[in-house]
């Protein structure tokens, strides 16, 4: 029988500005490397970072809930000048956070 994947809880936020800047820079670098370095990537990374920081300041530490919040709030973002969507951005944020925590995201491990 398959076991459910346990939730991943991020450590409490220590420095909102530093975490927001880290996510913005890291996400923009990922976006630029994944397809093309486009000016819209900076706006996407900035918006995702704002959502992330606000959610964390409101006490949200569950990674799954953070991903859902990013998907939901990024739906209002105009992705027409980008190769990305709100789902790609939320998944990228999740992957970047897991990498930063040293959690292997391969194969459901």
PDB file of N, CA and C in Angstrom:
ATOM      1  N   UNK A   1       0.840  -1.182   0.000  1.00  0.00           N
ATOM      2  CA  UNK A   1       0.000   0.000   0.000  1.00  0.00           C
ATOM      3  C   UNK A   1       0.889   1.250   0.000  1.00  0.00           C
ATOM      4  N   UNK A   2       0.529   2.220  -0.784  1.00  0.00           N
ATOM      5  CA  UNK A   2       1.317   3.456  -0.864  1.00  0.00           C
ATOM      6  C   UNK A   2       1.087   4.336   0.350  1.00  0.00           C
ATOM      7  N   UNK A   3       2.166   4.948   0.750  1.00  0.00           N
ATOM      8  CA  UNK A   3       2.106   5.871   1.883  1.00  0.00           C
ATOM      9  C   UNK A   3       2.003   7.300   1.360  1.00  0.00           C
ATOM     10  N   UNK A   4       1.172   8.122   2.002  1.00  0.00           N
ATOM     11  CA  UNK A   4       1.102   9.518   1.570  1.00  0.00           C
ATOM     12  C   UNK A   4       2.424  10.235   1.834  1.00  0.00           C
ATOM     13  N   UNK A   5       2.702  11.195   1.010  1.00  0.00           N
ATOM     14  CA  UNK A   5       3.912  11.995   1.192  1.00  0.00           C
ATOM     15  C   UNK A   5       3.665  12.947   2.357  1.00  0.00           C
ATOM     16  N   UNK A   6       4.552  12.931   3.345  1.00  0.00           N
ATOM     17  CA  UNK A   6       4.345  13.825   4.490  1.00  0.00           C
ATOM     18  C   UNK A   6       4.502  15.290   4.075  1.00  0.00           C
ATOM     19  N   UNK A   7       3.791  16.179   4.742  1.00  0.00           N
ATOM     20  CA  UNK A   7       3.922  17.598   4.396  1.00  0.00           C
ATOM     21  C   UNK A   7       5.324  18.103   4.709  1.00  0.00           C
ATOM     22  N   UNK A   8       5.729  19.114   3.977  1.00  0.00           N
ATOM     23  CA  UNK A   8       7.031  19.738   4.210  1.00  0.00           C
ATOM     24  C   UNK A   8       6.772  21.107   4.823  1.00  0.00           C
ATOM     25  N   UNK A   9       7.305  21.288   6.009  1.00  0.00           N
ATOM     26  CA  UNK A   9       7.141  22.541   6.728  1.00  0.00           C
ATOM     27  C   UNK A   9       8.449  23.303   6.712  1.00  0.00           C
ATOM     28  N   UNK A  10       8.400  24.537   6.239  1.00  0.00           N
ATOM     29  CA  UNK A  10       9.592  25.374   6.193  1.00  0.00           C
ATOM     30  C   UNK A  10       9.896  25.899   7.589  1.00  0.00           C
ATOM     31  N   UNK A  11      11.164  26.131   7.869  1.00  0.00           N
ATOM     32  CA  UNK A  11      11.498  26.732   9.164  1.00  0.00           C
ATOM     33  C   UNK A  11      10.905  28.143   9.242  1.00  0.00           C
ATOM     34  N   UNK A  12      10.670  28.634  10.452  1.00  0.00           N
ATOM     35  CA  UNK A  12      10.107  29.983  10.584  1.00  0.00           C
ATOM     36  C   UNK A  12      10.978  31.013   9.862  1.00  0.00           C
ATOM     37  N   UNK A  13      10.323  32.032   9.355  1.00  0.00           N
ATOM     38  CA  UNK A  13      11.015  33.094   8.625  1.00  0.00           C
ATOM     39  C   UNK A  13      11.845  33.929   9.591  1.00  0.00           C
ATOM     40  N   UNK A  14      13.111  34.112   9.267  1.00  0.00           N
ATOM     41  CA  UNK A  14      14.013  34.893  10.111  1.00  0.00           C
ATOM     42  C   UNK A  14      14.174  36.324   9.598  1.00  0.00           C
ATOM     43  N   UNK A  15      14.373  36.470   8.292  1.00  0.00           N
ATOM     44  CA  UNK A  15      14.616  37.777   7.688  1.00  0.00           C
ATOM     45  C   UNK A  15      13.807  37.865   6.396  1.00  0.00           C
ATOM     46  N   UNK A  16      12.603  38.439   6.451  1.00  0.00           N
ATOM     47  CA  UNK A  16      11.730  38.477   5.279  1.00  0.00           C
ATOM     48  C   UNK A  16      12.374  39.123   4.048  1.00  0.00           C
ATOM     49  N   UNK A  17      13.094  40.211   4.255  1.00  0.00           N
ATOM     50  CA  UNK A  17      13.722  40.895   3.118  1.00  0.00           C
ATOM     51  C   UNK A  17      14.763  40.006   2.458  1.00  0.00           C
ATOM     52  N   UNK A  18      15.586  39.356   3.265  1.00  0.00           N
ATOM     53  CA  UNK A  18      16.635  38.488   2.722  1.00  0.00           C
ATOM     54  C   UNK A  18      16.025  37.275   2.010  1.00  0.00           C
ATOM     55  N   UNK A  19      15.014  36.657   2.598  1.00  0.00           N
ATOM     56  CA  UNK A  19      14.372  35.506   1.955  1.00  0.00           C
ATOM     57  C   UNK A  19      13.698  35.908   0.650  1.00  0.00           C
ATOM     58  N   UNK A  20      13.046  37.074   0.655  1.00  0.00           N
ATOM     59  CA  UNK A  20      12.396  37.560  -0.556  1.00  0.00           C
ATOM     60  C   UNK A  20      13.402  37.834  -1.659  1.00  0.00           C
ATOM     61  N   UNK A  21      14.516  38.465  -1.312  1.00  0.00           N
ATOM     62  CA  UNK A  21      15.564  38.750  -2.297  1.00  0.00           C
ATOM     63  C   UNK A  21      16.181  37.459  -2.823  1.00  0.00           C
ATOM     64  N   UNK A  22      16.419  36.509  -1.915  1.00  0.00           N
ATOM     65  CA  UNK A  22      16.984  35.230  -2.352  1.00  0.00           C
ATOM     66  C   UNK A  22      16.048  34.561  -3.364  1.00  0.00           C
ATOM     67  N   UNK A  23      14.762  34.501  -3.038  1.00  0.00           N
ATOM     68  CA  UNK A  23      13.818  33.846  -3.938  1.00  0.00           C
ATOM     69  C   UNK A  23      13.722  34.596  -5.262  1.00  0.00           C
ATOM     70  N   UNK A  24      13.645  35.920  -5.213  1.00  0.00           N
ATOM     71  CA  UNK A  24      13.546  36.705  -6.436  1.00  0.00           C
ATOM     72  C   UNK A  24      14.753  36.460  -7.339  1.00  0.00           C
ATOM     73  N   UNK A  25      15.948  36.546  -6.775  1.00  0.00           N
ATOM     74  CA  UNK A  25      17.174  36.342  -7.560  1.00  0.00           C
ATOM     75  C   UNK A  25      17.279  34.918  -8.091  1.00  0.00           C
ATOM     76  N   UNK A  26      17.017  33.957  -7.242  1.00  0.00           N
ATOM     77  CA  UNK A  26      17.144  32.553  -7.621  1.00  0.00           C
ATOM     78  C   UNK A  26      16.107  32.172  -8.677  1.00  0.00           C
ATOM     79  N   UNK A  27      14.882  32.640  -8.499  1.00  0.00           N
ATOM     80  CA  UNK A  27      13.835  32.339  -9.471  1.00  0.00           C
ATOM     81  C   UNK A  27      14.126  33.009 -10.812  1.00  0.00           C
ATOM     82  N   UNK A  28      14.568  34.262 -10.788  1.00  0.00           N
ATOM     83  CA  UNK A  28      14.874  34.932 -12.046  1.00  0.00           C
ATOM     84  C   UNK A  28      16.017  34.236 -12.777  1.00  0.00           C
ATOM     85  N   UNK A  29      17.025  33.808 -12.056  1.00  0.00           N
ATOM     86  CA  UNK A  29      18.124  33.062 -12.668  1.00  0.00           C
ATOM     87  C   UNK A  29      17.603  31.778 -13.299  1.00  0.00           C
ATOM     88  N   UNK A  30      16.740  31.073 -12.582  1.00  0.00           N
ATOM     89  CA  UNK A  30      16.162  29.832 -13.116  1.00  0.00           C
ATOM     90  C   UNK A  30      15.349  30.114 -14.373  1.00  0.00           C
ATOM     91  N   UNK A  31      14.494  31.146 -14.327  1.00  0.00           N
ATOM     92  CA  UNK A  31      13.673  31.506 -15.483  1.00  0.00           C
ATOM     93  C   UNK A  31      14.540  31.841 -16.699  1.00  0.00           C
ATOM     94  N   UNK A  32      15.590  32.627 -16.472  1.00  0.00           N
ATOM     95  CA  UNK A  32      16.474  33.029 -17.566  1.00  0.00           C
ATOM     96  C   UNK A  32      17.219  31.849 -18.174  1.00  0.00           C
ATOM     97  N   UNK A  33      17.557  30.879 -17.348  1.00  0.00           N
ATOM     98  CA  UNK A  33      18.282  29.696 -17.845  1.00  0.00           C
ATOM     99  C   UNK A  33      17.373  28.679 -18.510  1.00  0.00           C
ATOM    100  N   UNK A  34      16.144  28.594 -18.034  1.00  0.00           N
ATOM    101  CA  UNK A  34      15.235  27.556 -18.509  1.00  0.00           C
ATOM    102  C   UNK A  34      14.842  27.758 -19.977  1.00  0.00           C
ATOM    103  N   UNK A  35      14.516  28.976 -20.365  1.00  0.00           N
ATOM    104  CA  UNK A  35      14.180  29.263 -21.765  1.00  0.00           C
ATOM    105  C   UNK A  35      15.080  30.378 -22.271  1.00  0.00           C
ATOM    106  N   UNK A  36      14.580  31.599 -22.210  1.00  0.00           N
ATOM    107  CA  UNK A  36      15.325  32.762 -22.680  1.00  0.00           C
ATOM    108  C   UNK A  36      15.332  33.826 -21.596  1.00  0.00           C
ATOM    109  N   UNK A  37      16.434  34.570 -21.493  1.00  0.00           N
ATOM    110  CA  UNK A  37      16.415  35.710 -20.570  1.00  0.00           C
ATOM    111  C   UNK A  37      15.511  36.798 -21.165  1.00  0.00           C
ATOM    112  N   UNK A  38      14.353  36.982 -20.570  1.00  0.00           N
ATOM    113  CA  UNK A  38      13.387  37.961 -21.053  1.00  0.00           C
ATOM    114  C   UNK A  38      13.137  39.008 -19.963  1.00  0.00           C
ATOM    115  N   UNK A  39      12.825  40.241 -20.344  1.00  0.00           N
ATOM    116  CA  UNK A  39      12.527  41.266 -19.333  1.00  0.00           C
ATOM    117  C   UNK A  39      11.361  40.879 -18.413  1.00  0.00           C
ATOM    118  N   UNK A  40      10.405  40.132 -18.923  1.00  0.00           N
ATOM    119  CA  UNK A  40       9.240  39.741 -18.117  1.00  0.00           C
ATOM    120  C   UNK A  40       9.642  38.826 -16.957  1.00  0.00           C
ATOM    121  N   UNK A  41      10.749  38.118 -17.091  1.00  0.00           N
ATOM    122  CA  UNK A  41      11.185  37.211 -16.028  1.00  0.00           C
ATOM    123  C   UNK A  41      11.412  37.947 -14.712  1.00  0.00           C
ATOM    124  N   UNK A  42      11.923  39.164 -14.801  1.00  0.00           N
ATOM    125  CA  UNK A  42      12.155  39.948 -13.588  1.00  0.00           C
ATOM    126  C   UNK A  42      10.828  40.253 -12.893  1.00  0.00           C
ATOM    127  N   UNK A  43       9.808  40.602 -13.672  1.00  0.00           N
ATOM    128  CA  UNK A  43       8.498  40.912 -13.094  1.00  0.00           C
ATOM    129  C   UNK A  43       7.847  39.663 -12.493  1.00  0.00           C
ATOM    130  N   UNK A  44       8.010  38.539 -13.173  1.00  0.00           N
ATOM    131  CA  UNK A  44       7.463  37.274 -12.657  1.00  0.00           C
ATOM    132  C   UNK A  44       8.121  36.929 -11.322  1.00  0.00           C
ATOM    133  N   UNK A  45       9.447  36.996 -11.288  1.00  0.00           N
ATOM    134  CA  UNK A  45      10.185  36.653 -10.070  1.00  0.00           C
ATOM    135  C   UNK A  45       9.827  37.603  -8.927  1.00  0.00           C
ATOM    136  N   UNK A  46       9.681  38.879  -9.245  1.00  0.00           N
ATOM    137  CA  UNK A  46       9.318  39.866  -8.228  1.00  0.00           C
ATOM    138  C   UNK A  46       7.942  39.564  -7.645  1.00  0.00           C
ATOM    139  N   UNK A  47       6.984  39.272  -8.507  1.00  0.00           N
ATOM    140  CA  UNK A  47       5.618  39.001  -8.039  1.00  0.00           C
ATOM    141  C   UNK A  47       5.555  37.721  -7.208  1.00  0.00           C
ATOM    142  N   UNK A  48       6.193  36.668  -7.673  1.00  0.00           N
ATOM    143  CA  UNK A  48       6.201  35.407  -6.920  1.00  0.00           C
ATOM    144  C   UNK A  48       6.860  35.599  -5.559  1.00  0.00           C
ATOM    145  N   UNK A  49       7.926  36.369  -5.520  1.00  0.00           N
ATOM    146  CA  UNK A  49       8.616  36.643  -4.262  1.00  0.00           C
ATOM    147  C   UNK A  49       7.718  37.420  -3.301  1.00  0.00           C
ATOM    148  N   UNK A  50       6.989  38.405  -3.817  1.00  0.00           N
ATOM    149  CA  UNK A  50       6.068  39.176  -2.969  1.00  0.00           C
ATOM    150  C   UNK A  50       4.998  38.267  -2.359  1.00  0.00           C
ATOM    151  N   UNK A  51       4.448  37.404  -3.174  1.00  0.00           N
ATOM    152  CA  UNK A  51       3.417  36.478  -2.684  1.00  0.00           C
ATOM    153  C   UNK A  51       4.000  35.579  -1.597  1.00  0.00           C
ATOM    154  N   UNK A  52       5.163  35.023  -1.869  1.00  0.00           N
ATOM    155  CA  UNK A  52       5.829  34.121  -0.932  1.00  0.00           C
ATOM    156  C   UNK A  52       6.074  34.810   0.411  1.00  0.00           C
ATOM    157  N   UNK A  53       6.674  36.001   0.365  1.00  0.00           N
ATOM    158  CA  UNK A  53       6.997  36.708   1.610  1.00  0.00           C
ATOM    159  C   UNK A  53       5.730  37.056   2.383  1.00  0.00           C
ATOM    160  N   UNK A  54       4.711  37.546   1.688  1.00  0.00           N
ATOM    161  CA  UNK A  54       3.479  37.893   2.387  1.00  0.00           C
ATOM    162  C   UNK A  54       2.850  36.675   3.057  1.00  0.00           C
ATOM    163  N   UNK A  55       2.807  35.577   2.338  1.00  0.00           N
ATOM    164  CA  UNK A  55       2.247  34.344   2.900  1.00  0.00           C
ATOM    165  C   UNK A  55       3.038  33.901   4.125  1.00  0.00           C
ATOM    166  N   UNK A  56       4.350  33.977   4.027  1.00  0.00           N
ATOM    167  CA  UNK A  56       5.199  33.567   5.156  1.00  0.00           C
ATOM    168  C   UNK A  56       5.001  34.499   6.348  1.00  0.00           C
ATOM    169  N   UNK A  57       4.882  35.801   6.094  1.00  0.00           N
ATOM    170  CA  UNK A  57       4.658  36.757   7.186  1.00  0.00           C
ATOM    171  C   UNK A  57       3.305  36.533   7.851  1.00  0.00           C
ATOM    172  N   UNK A  58       2.360  35.996   7.089  1.00  0.00           N
ATOM    173  CA  UNK A  58       1.045  35.677   7.648  1.00  0.00           C
ATOM    174  C   UNK A  58       1.054  34.342   8.386  1.00  0.00           C
ATOM    175  N   UNK A  59       2.228  33.688   8.438  1.00  0.00           N
ATOM    176  CA  UNK A  59       2.364  32.468   9.219  1.00  0.00           C
ATOM    177  C   UNK A  59       2.302  31.173   8.443  1.00  0.00           C
ATOM    178  N   UNK A  60       2.255  31.248   7.127  1.00  0.00           N
ATOM    179  CA  UNK A  60       2.178  30.022   6.320  1.00  0.00           C
ATOM    180  C   UNK A  60       3.572  29.431   6.146  1.00  0.00           C
ATOM    181  N   UNK A  61       3.773  28.232   6.653  1.00  0.00           N
ATOM    182  CA  UNK A  61       5.059  27.541   6.543  1.00  0.00           C
ATOM    183  C   UNK A  61       4.956  26.209   5.804  1.00  0.00           C
ATOM    184  N   UNK A  62       3.750  25.805   5.446  1.00  0.00           N
ATOM    185  CA  UNK A  62       3.551  24.544   4.737  1.00  0.00           C
ATOM    186  C   UNK A  62       3.842  24.759   3.247  1.00  0.00           C
ATOM    187  N   UNK A  63       4.781  23.994   2.715  1.00  0.00           N
ATOM    188  CA  UNK A  63       5.194  24.175   1.322  1.00  0.00           C
ATOM    189  C   UNK A  63       4.037  23.971   0.351  1.00  0.00           C
ATOM    190  N   UNK A  64       3.219  22.974   0.581  1.00  0.00           N
ATOM    191  CA  UNK A  64       2.076  22.723  -0.294  1.00  0.00           C
ATOM    192  C   UNK A  64       1.115  23.899  -0.334  1.00  0.00           C
ATOM    193  N   UNK A  65       0.849  24.478   0.814  1.00  0.00           N
ATOM    194  CA  UNK A  65      -0.047  25.640   0.880  1.00  0.00           C
ATOM    195  C   UNK A  65       0.571  26.852   0.204  1.00  0.00           C
ATOM    196  N   UNK A  66       1.875  27.000   0.329  1.00  0.00           N
ATOM    197  CA  UNK A  66       2.562  28.102  -0.345  1.00  0.00           C
ATOM    198  C   UNK A  66       2.470  27.957  -1.863  1.00  0.00           C
ATOM    199  N   UNK A  67       2.627  26.740  -2.351  1.00  0.00           N
ATOM    200  CA  UNK A  67       2.530  26.484  -3.789  1.00  0.00           C
ATOM    201  C   UNK A  67       1.126  26.831  -4.285  1.00  0.00           C
ATOM    202  N   UNK A  68       0.099  26.413  -3.560  1.00  0.00           N
ATOM    203  CA  UNK A  68      -1.286  26.714  -3.943  1.00  0.00           C
ATOM    204  C   UNK A  68      -1.524  28.223  -3.939  1.00  0.00           C
ATOM    205  N   UNK A  69      -0.989  28.920  -2.943  1.00  0.00           N
ATOM    206  CA  UNK A  69      -1.154  30.381  -2.872  1.00  0.00           C
ATOM    207  C   UNK A  69      -0.498  31.056  -4.073  1.00  0.00           C
ATOM    208  N   UNK A  70       0.682  30.586  -4.453  1.00  0.00           N
ATOM    209  CA  UNK A  70       1.372  31.177  -5.603  1.00  0.00           C
ATOM    210  C   UNK A  70       0.587  30.916  -6.882  1.00  0.00           C
ATOM    211  N   UNK A  71       0.117  29.696  -7.073  1.00  0.00           N
ATOM    212  CA  UNK A  71      -0.692  29.382  -8.257  1.00  0.00           C
ATOM    213  C   UNK A  71      -1.916  30.292  -8.300  1.00  0.00           C
ATOM    214  N   UNK A  72      -2.618  30.383  -7.193  1.00  0.00           N
ATOM    215  CA  UNK A  72      -3.861  31.151  -7.138  1.00  0.00           C
ATOM    216  C   UNK A  72      -3.621  32.634  -7.421  1.00  0.00           C
ATOM    217  N   UNK A  73      -2.642  33.203  -6.756  1.00  0.00           N
ATOM    218  CA  UNK A  73      -2.411  34.640  -6.910  1.00  0.00           C
ATOM    219  C   UNK A  73      -1.731  34.995  -8.229  1.00  0.00           C
ATOM    220  N   UNK A  74      -0.939  34.090  -8.775  1.00  0.00           N
ATOM    221  CA  UNK A  74      -0.279  34.365 -10.054  1.00  0.00           C
ATOM    222  C   UNK A  74      -1.254  34.241 -11.228  1.00  0.00           C
ATOM    223  N   UNK A  75      -2.457  33.728 -11.005  1.00  0.00           N
ATOM    224  CA  UNK A  75      -3.448  33.650 -12.079  1.00  0.00           C
ATOM    225  C   UNK A  75      -3.817  35.044 -12.587  1.00  0.00           C
ATOM    226  N   UNK A  76      -3.681  36.050 -11.757  1.00  0.00           N
ATOM    227  CA  UNK A  76      -3.982  37.419 -12.163  1.00  0.00           C
ATOM    228  C   UNK A  76      -2.826  38.065 -12.932  1.00  0.00           C
ATOM    229  N   UNK A  77      -1.678  37.405 -12.976  1.00  0.00           N
ATOM    230  CA  UNK A  77      -0.505  37.947 -13.667  1.00  0.00           C
ATOM    231  C   UNK A  77      -0.655  37.724 -15.174  1.00  0.00           C
ATOM    232  N   UNK A  78      -0.222  38.685 -15.970  1.00  0.00           N
ATOM    233  CA  UNK A  78      -0.286  38.578 -17.429  1.00  0.00           C
ATOM    234  C   UNK A  78       0.950  37.838 -17.947  1.00  0.00           C
ATOM    235  N   UNK A  79       0.766  36.567 -18.276  1.00  0.00           N
ATOM    236  CA  UNK A  79       1.856  35.740 -18.786  1.00  0.00           C
ATOM    237  C   UNK A  79       1.955  35.766 -20.319  1.00  0.00           C
ATOM    238  N   UNK A  80       1.246  36.678 -20.970  1.00  0.00           N
ATOM    239  CA  UNK A  80       1.204  36.672 -22.441  1.00  0.00           C
ATOM    240  C   UNK A  80       2.559  36.924 -23.091  1.00  0.00           C
ATOM    241  N   UNK A  81       3.500  37.542 -22.369  1.00  0.00           N
ATOM    242  CA  UNK A  81       4.838  37.808 -22.918  1.00  0.00           C
ATOM    243  C   UNK A  81       5.872  36.818 -22.390  1.00  0.00           C
ATOM    244  N   UNK A  82       5.407  35.672 -21.938  1.00  0.00           N
ATOM    245  CA  UNK A  82       6.283  34.698 -21.306  1.00  0.00           C
ATOM    246  C   UNK A  82       5.978  33.291 -21.795  1.00  0.00           C
ATOM    247  N   UNK A  83       6.965  32.411 -21.636  1.00  0.00           N
ATOM    248  CA  UNK A  83       6.767  30.995 -21.926  1.00  0.00           C
ATOM    249  C   UNK A  83       6.133  30.277 -20.732  1.00  0.00           C
ATOM    250  N   UNK A  84       6.044  30.946 -19.606  1.00  0.00           N
ATOM    251  CA  UNK A  84       5.643  30.328 -18.350  1.00  0.00           C
ATOM    252  C   UNK A  84       4.171  30.517 -18.036  1.00  0.00           C
ATOM    253  N   UNK A  85       3.724  29.812 -16.992  1.00  0.00           N
ATOM    254  CA  UNK A  85       2.378  29.952 -16.452  1.00  0.00           C
ATOM    255  C   UNK A  85       2.484  29.964 -14.934  1.00  0.00           C
ATOM    256  N   UNK A  86       1.370  30.219 -14.284  1.00  0.00           N
ATOM    257  CA  UNK A  86       1.375  30.228 -12.818  1.00  0.00           C
ATOM    258  C   UNK A  86       1.787  28.872 -12.241  1.00  0.00           C
ATOM    259  N   UNK A  87       1.463  27.792 -12.941  1.00  0.00           N
ATOM    260  CA  UNK A  87       1.824  26.456 -12.454  1.00  0.00           C
ATOM    261  C   UNK A  87       3.332  26.225 -12.541  1.00  0.00           C
ATOM    262  N   UNK A  88       3.920  26.638 -13.643  1.00  0.00           N
ATOM    263  CA  UNK A  88       5.370  26.493 -13.801  1.00  0.00           C
ATOM    264  C   UNK A  88       6.110  27.299 -12.744  1.00  0.00           C
ATOM    265  N   UNK A  89       5.609  28.486 -12.442  1.00  0.00           N
ATOM    266  CA  UNK A  89       6.269  29.338 -11.447  1.00  0.00           C
ATOM    267  C   UNK A  89       6.150  28.727 -10.051  1.00  0.00           C
ATOM    268  N   UNK A  90       4.960  28.296  -9.690  1.00  0.00           N
ATOM    269  CA  UNK A  90       4.767  27.692  -8.364  1.00  0.00           C
ATOM    270  C   UNK A  90       5.616  26.432  -8.210  1.00  0.00           C
ATOM    271  N   UNK A  91       5.678  25.606  -9.240  1.00  0.00           N
ATOM    272  CA  UNK A  91       6.508  24.404  -9.183  1.00  0.00           C
ATOM    273  C   UNK A  91       7.980  24.754  -9.088  1.00  0.00           C
ATOM    274  N   UNK A  92       8.412  25.774  -9.811  1.00  0.00           N
ATOM    275  CA  UNK A  92       9.818  26.202  -9.741  1.00  0.00           C
ATOM    276  C   UNK A  92      10.154  26.699  -8.335  1.00  0.00           C
ATOM    277  N   UNK A  93       9.268  27.486  -7.745  1.00  0.00           N
ATOM    278  CA  UNK A  93       9.496  27.971  -6.375  1.00  0.00           C
ATOM    279  C   UNK A  93       9.618  26.780  -5.428  1.00  0.00           C
ATOM    280  N   UNK A  94       8.742  25.824  -5.563  1.00  0.00           N
ATOM    281  CA  UNK A  94       8.799  24.627  -4.719  1.00  0.00           C
ATOM    282  C   UNK A  94      10.138  23.905  -4.881  1.00  0.00           C
ATOM    283  N   UNK A  95      10.550  23.691  -6.120  1.00  0.00           N
ATOM    284  CA  UNK A  95      11.820  23.005  -6.373  1.00  0.00           C
ATOM    285  C   UNK A  95      13.000  23.777  -5.800  1.00  0.00           C
ATOM    286  N   UNK A  96      13.007  25.087  -5.973  1.00  0.00           N
ATOM    287  CA  UNK A  96      14.103  25.911  -5.453  1.00  0.00           C
ATOM    288  C   UNK A  96      14.157  25.857  -3.930  1.00  0.00           C
ATOM    289  N   UNK A  97      12.996  25.893  -3.290  1.00  0.00           N
ATOM    290  CA  UNK A  97      12.961  25.803  -1.825  1.00  0.00           C
ATOM    291  C   UNK A  97      13.433  24.435  -1.342  1.00  0.00           C
ATOM    292  N   UNK A  98      12.984  23.373  -2.009  1.00  0.00           N
ATOM    293  CA  UNK A  98      13.426  22.031  -1.627  1.00  0.00           C
ATOM    294  C   UNK A  98      14.934  21.892  -1.797  1.00  0.00           C
ATOM    295  N   UNK A  99      15.454  22.409  -2.904  1.00  0.00           N
ATOM    296  CA  UNK A  99      16.907  22.373  -3.118  1.00  0.00           C
ATOM    297  C   UNK A  99      17.639  23.122  -2.001  1.00  0.00           C
ATOM    298  N   UNK A 100      17.108  24.283  -1.615  1.00  0.00           N
ATOM    299  CA  UNK A 100      17.773  25.085  -0.585  1.00  0.00           C
ATOM    300  C   UNK A 100      17.773  24.390   0.773  1.00  0.00           C
ATOM    301  N   UNK A 101      16.779  23.519   0.985  1.00  0.00           N
ATOM    302  CA  UNK A 101      16.680  22.766   2.241  1.00  0.00           C
ATOM    303  C   UNK A 101      17.434  21.447   2.187  1.00  0.00           C
ATOM    304  N   UNK A 102      17.982  21.121   1.005  1.00  0.00           N
ATOM    305  CA  UNK A 102      18.699  19.859   0.853  1.00  0.00           C
ATOM    306  C   UNK A 102      17.790  18.659   0.757  1.00  0.00           C
ATOM    307  N   UNK A 103      16.551  18.876   0.317  1.00  0.00           N
ATOM    308  CA  UNK A 103      15.593  17.782   0.192  1.00  0.00           C
ATOM    309  C   UNK A 103      15.600  17.286  -1.235  1.00  0.00           C
ATOM    310  N   UNK A 104      15.851  16.003  -1.413  1.00  0.00           N
ATOM    311  CA  UNK A 104      15.869  15.402  -2.748  1.00  0.00           C
ATOM    312  C   UNK A 104      14.447  15.346  -3.267  1.00  0.00           C
ATOM    313  N   UNK A 105      14.205  15.919  -4.414  1.00  0.00           N
ATOM    314  CA  UNK A 105      12.848  15.956  -4.967  1.00  0.00           C
ATOM    315  C   UNK A 105      12.655  14.931  -6.067  1.00  0.00           C
ATOM    316  N   UNK A 106      13.632  14.100  -6.280  1.00  0.00           N
ATOM    317  CA  UNK A 106      13.547  13.075  -7.318  1.00  0.00           C
ATOM    318  C   UNK A 106      12.741  11.862  -6.858  1.00  0.00           C
ATOM    319  N   UNK A 107      11.899  11.415  -7.714  1.00  0.00           N
ATOM    320  CA  UNK A 107      11.219  10.121  -7.554  1.00  0.00           C
ATOM    321  C   UNK A 107      10.380  10.013  -6.275  1.00  0.00           C
ATOM    322  N   UNK A 108       9.856  11.118  -5.794  1.00  0.00           N
ATOM    323  CA  UNK A 108       8.995  11.080  -4.618  1.00  0.00           C
ATOM    324  C   UNK A 108       9.718  10.797  -3.327  1.00  0.00           C
ATOM    325  N   UNK A 109      11.022  10.937  -3.322  1.00  0.00           N
ATOM    326  CA  UNK A 109      11.795  10.659  -2.105  1.00  0.00           C
ATOM    327  C   UNK A 109      11.822  11.871  -1.198  1.00  0.00           C
TER     328      UNK A 109
END
